[in-house]
Amino acid sequence: MTNSLSPEIIDSKSGKAFVPGMVAGGYAFMIIGIFPVASLTLGGIIEGIIIFLLGCFIVFTTAGIELDITNKMVNDYWKYFNIVKSKSWKNIQGYPYIAVLKLNKTYGLFSKSNRSVEISEMKYEVYLLDKSQHQRLQISSFSTAEDAIGFAKSIADKLKIEYTTYHPETSARRKR
C-alpha cells in the first residue's frame, strides 16, 4: 500500500464470514468442546480444546471490505477470531464506475431426510465497475436501497468516479 500521512479508510463490515447454519454449528462445537475436557484426561482435554477452538473460529470470524480513498485501494478481508485481519489490497484505478445492485441472498440447510430450510434476504450491494462493467469489486452491502444509493453517491464524489446503473456491454455473439 502506498504510504500516506493520513489515509481516509472506510471499513464496511459484512458480518459473519460463514452462513447462519454454519455459525449455529460453531456454537454447538463450542458447547460440545467443553464435555471432553470434563474427563480430565490429557487426550480429552486436547480434543475438547481443539473442538472448542474450531467452534470459536467459525463463530467469531468476520468479513469486511476496507476502502482507502486516499490511495485508491480496496482490501477484501477476513478477521480471524475477530482479532487477526488478512490483508490483500487491490488497486482500484481501473474502476471508473460505481453502482448499486439488488441481490436476493438465499441460504439453504438440508437434512439427511431430504428436508430443507431456505433463508432469503434482500441486499443492496455497492460495487465498483470497470469500463465494460464485467469486472466488479464489492465495497459495501445494505438492507435498504436508500442507504446503498446514498453511500454509493458519496463514494463516487470522494473517488471522483461516475455513479451509474449496472448494464454490462454484451458481445456481438450474445446479441444474436
Protein backbone atom coordinates (compact mmCIF):
# COMPACT_ATOMS: atom_id res chain seq x y z
CA MET A 1 0.00 0.00 0.00
CA THR A 2 1.24 3.49 -0.76
CA ASN A 3 2.46 5.45 2.24
CA SER A 4 0.35 8.43 3.13
CA LEU A 5 0.27 10.66 6.20
CA SER A 6 -3.44 10.23 6.90
CA PRO A 7 -5.27 7.90 4.53
CA GLU A 8 -9.05 8.05 4.63
CA ILE A 9 -10.17 4.44 5.09
CA ILE A 10 -13.81 3.36 5.13
CA ASP A 11 -14.33 0.00 6.83
CA SER A 12 -17.51 -1.76 5.75
CA LYS A 13 -18.08 -4.85 7.90
CA SER A 14 -20.08 -7.54 6.12
CA GLY A 15 -20.80 -9.53 9.27
CA LYS A 16 -20.10 -13.19 9.90
CA ALA A 17 -17.80 -14.88 7.39
CA PHE A 18 -19.86 -18.08 7.39
CA VAL A 19 -23.53 -18.75 6.59
CA PRO A 20 -26.02 -18.78 9.50
CA GLY A 21 -26.32 -22.58 9.64
CA MET A 22 -22.57 -22.97 9.95
CA VAL A 23 -22.42 -20.32 12.70
CA ALA A 24 -25.06 -22.28 14.64
CA GLY A 25 -22.86 -25.37 14.19
CA GLY A 26 -19.92 -23.35 15.54
CA TYR A 27 -21.86 -22.59 18.72
CA ALA A 28 -22.63 -26.32 19.00
CA PHE A 29 -18.91 -27.13 18.64
CA MET A 30 -18.11 -24.66 21.42
CA ILE A 31 -20.60 -26.37 23.76
CA ILE A 32 -19.56 -29.90 22.73
CA GLY A 33 -15.89 -28.98 23.21
CA ILE A 34 -16.48 -28.49 26.93
CA PHE A 35 -17.52 -32.12 27.59
CA PRO A 36 -14.26 -33.93 26.69
CA VAL A 37 -12.36 -31.54 28.98
CA ALA A 38 -14.51 -32.79 31.90
CA SER A 39 -12.94 -36.26 31.52
CA LEU A 40 -9.72 -34.76 32.93
CA THR A 41 -7.55 -36.96 30.72
CA LEU A 42 -4.84 -35.44 28.57
CA GLY A 43 -6.46 -36.75 25.36
CA GLY A 44 -9.89 -35.44 26.41
CA ILE A 45 -8.51 -32.03 27.30
CA ILE A 46 -6.66 -31.70 23.96
CA GLU A 47 -9.68 -32.96 22.00
CA GLY A 48 -12.02 -30.58 23.84
CA ILE A 49 -9.75 -27.58 23.28
CA ILE A 50 -9.46 -28.35 19.54
CA ILE A 51 -13.25 -28.71 19.13
CA PHE A 52 -13.87 -25.55 21.19
CA LEU A 53 -11.33 -23.52 19.17
CA LEU A 54 -12.86 -24.76 15.89
CA GLY A 55 -16.25 -23.52 17.12
CA CYS A 56 -14.72 -20.17 18.14
CA PHE A 57 -13.11 -19.83 14.69
CA ILE A 58 -16.45 -20.38 12.94
CA VAL A 59 -18.45 -18.13 15.28
CA PHE A 60 -16.03 -15.23 15.70
CA THR A 61 -14.56 -14.94 12.18
CA THR A 62 -15.97 -11.90 10.38
CA ALA A 63 -15.63 -10.47 6.89
CA GLY A 64 -15.48 -6.96 5.54
CA ILE A 65 -14.13 -4.54 2.99
CA GLU A 66 -11.83 -1.58 3.58
CA LEU A 67 -11.77 1.23 1.04
CA ASP A 68 -8.73 3.53 1.11
CA ILE A 69 -9.97 6.73 -0.52
CA THR A 70 -6.58 8.49 -0.41
CA ASN A 71 -4.55 5.75 -2.11
CA LYS A 72 -7.45 4.33 -4.20
CA MET A 73 -7.10 0.79 -2.87
CA VAL A 74 -9.57 -1.82 -1.60
CA ASN A 75 -8.99 -4.68 0.87
CA ASP A 76 -11.41 -7.60 0.98
CA TYR A 77 -10.59 -9.14 4.37
CA TRP A 78 -11.44 -11.84 6.87
CA LYS A 79 -10.87 -11.09 10.54
CA TYR A 80 -9.97 -14.43 12.16
CA PHE A 81 -11.32 -14.85 15.71
CA ASN A 82 -12.31 -11.17 15.29
CA ILE A 83 -8.66 -10.29 16.07
CA VAL A 84 -6.24 -11.03 13.20
CA LYS A 85 -7.13 -9.33 9.88
CA SER A 86 -6.00 -10.66 6.49
CA LYS A 87 -4.65 -8.10 4.04
CA SER A 88 -4.95 -8.25 0.26
CA TRP A 89 -5.04 -4.68 -1.03
CA LYS A 90 -6.03 -4.16 -4.68
CA ASN A 91 -5.64 -1.03 -6.78
CA ILE A 92 -8.96 0.41 -8.00
CA GLN A 93 -7.62 2.82 -10.64
CA GLY A 94 -9.27 0.77 -13.44
CA TYR A 95 -12.77 1.05 -11.96
CA PRO A 96 -14.34 4.32 -13.21
CA TYR A 97 -17.94 3.48 -12.21
CA ILE A 98 -19.89 2.72 -9.06
CA ALA A 99 -23.34 1.10 -8.97
CA VAL A 100 -25.87 -0.48 -6.62
CA LEU A 101 -27.09 -4.00 -7.38
CA LYS A 102 -30.19 -5.53 -5.80
CA LEU A 103 -29.49 -9.14 -4.86
CA ASN A 104 -31.61 -11.83 -3.22
CA LYS A 105 -29.27 -13.83 -0.95
CA THR A 106 -30.55 -17.31 -0.13
CA TYR A 107 -29.02 -19.77 2.32
CA GLY A 108 -30.16 -23.38 2.45
CA LEU A 109 -29.95 -26.00 5.16
CA PHE A 110 -30.53 -29.63 4.21
CA SER A 111 -31.01 -32.75 6.32
CA LYS A 112 -30.46 -36.46 5.59
CA SER A 113 -34.23 -36.94 5.32
CA ASN A 114 -34.28 -34.58 2.31
CA ARG A 115 -35.90 -31.73 4.20
CA SER A 116 -34.67 -28.24 3.56
CA VAL A 117 -34.99 -24.80 5.05
CA GLU A 118 -34.20 -21.73 2.99
CA ILE A 119 -33.46 -18.33 4.45
CA SER A 120 -33.72 -15.43 1.99
CA GLU A 121 -32.79 -11.80 2.46
CA MET A 122 -32.77 -8.87 0.07
CA LYS A 123 -29.46 -6.99 -0.06
CA TYR A 124 -28.36 -3.89 -1.92
CA GLU A 125 -24.67 -4.20 -2.67
CA VAL A 126 -22.40 -1.38 -3.82
CA TYR A 127 -19.86 -2.32 -6.48
CA LEU A 128 -17.00 -0.59 -8.28
CA LEU A 129 -17.21 -1.44 -12.00
CA ASP A 130 -14.61 -1.48 -14.77
CA LYS A 131 -15.29 0.23 -18.14
CA SER A 132 -17.11 -2.79 -19.64
CA GLN A 133 -18.87 -3.45 -16.30
CA HIS A 134 -17.90 -7.14 -16.48
CA GLN A 135 -15.43 -6.94 -13.59
CA ARG A 136 -16.71 -5.62 -10.31
CA LEU A 137 -15.49 -5.20 -6.74
CA GLN A 138 -17.96 -5.17 -3.87
CA ILE A 139 -17.31 -2.38 -1.39
CA SER A 140 -20.40 -2.48 0.84
CA SER A 141 -23.78 -4.08 1.49
CA PHE A 142 -27.01 -2.56 2.82
CA SER A 143 -30.52 -3.71 3.64
CA THR A 144 -32.23 -0.65 2.08
CA ALA A 145 -31.86 0.87 -1.37
CA GLU A 146 -31.79 4.44 0.01
CA ASP A 147 -28.77 3.71 2.25
CA ALA A 148 -26.92 1.94 -0.57
CA ILE A 149 -27.54 4.72 -3.11
CA GLY A 150 -26.55 7.44 -0.63
CA PHE A 151 -23.32 5.59 0.22
CA ALA A 152 -22.52 4.96 -3.47
CA LYS A 153 -23.03 8.60 -4.40
CA SER A 154 -20.83 9.82 -1.53
CA ILE A 155 -18.05 7.39 -2.53
CA ALA A 156 -18.42 8.48 -6.18
CA ASP A 157 -17.81 12.10 -5.10
CA LYS A 158 -14.80 11.16 -2.96
CA LEU A 159 -13.18 8.94 -5.62
CA LYS A 160 -14.21 11.26 -8.47
CA ILE A 161 -15.89 8.43 -10.41
CA GLU A 162 -19.31 8.17 -12.03
CA TYR A 163 -22.39 6.76 -10.28
CA THR A 164 -24.25 4.63 -12.83
CA THR A 165 -26.76 1.83 -13.22
CA TYR A 166 -25.40 -1.65 -13.84
CA HIS A 167 -25.66 -2.52 -17.54
CA PRO A 168 -22.67 -4.51 -18.82
CA GLU A 169 -21.82 -4.43 -22.51
CA THR A 170 -22.92 -7.53 -24.40
CA SER A 171 -20.77 -9.10 -27.06
CA ALA A 172 -21.90 -9.48 -30.68
CA ARG A 173 -22.15 -13.23 -30.14
CA ARG A 174 -24.68 -12.79 -27.29
CA LYS A 175 -26.76 -10.24 -29.23
CA ARG A 176 -27.86 -12.81 -31.80
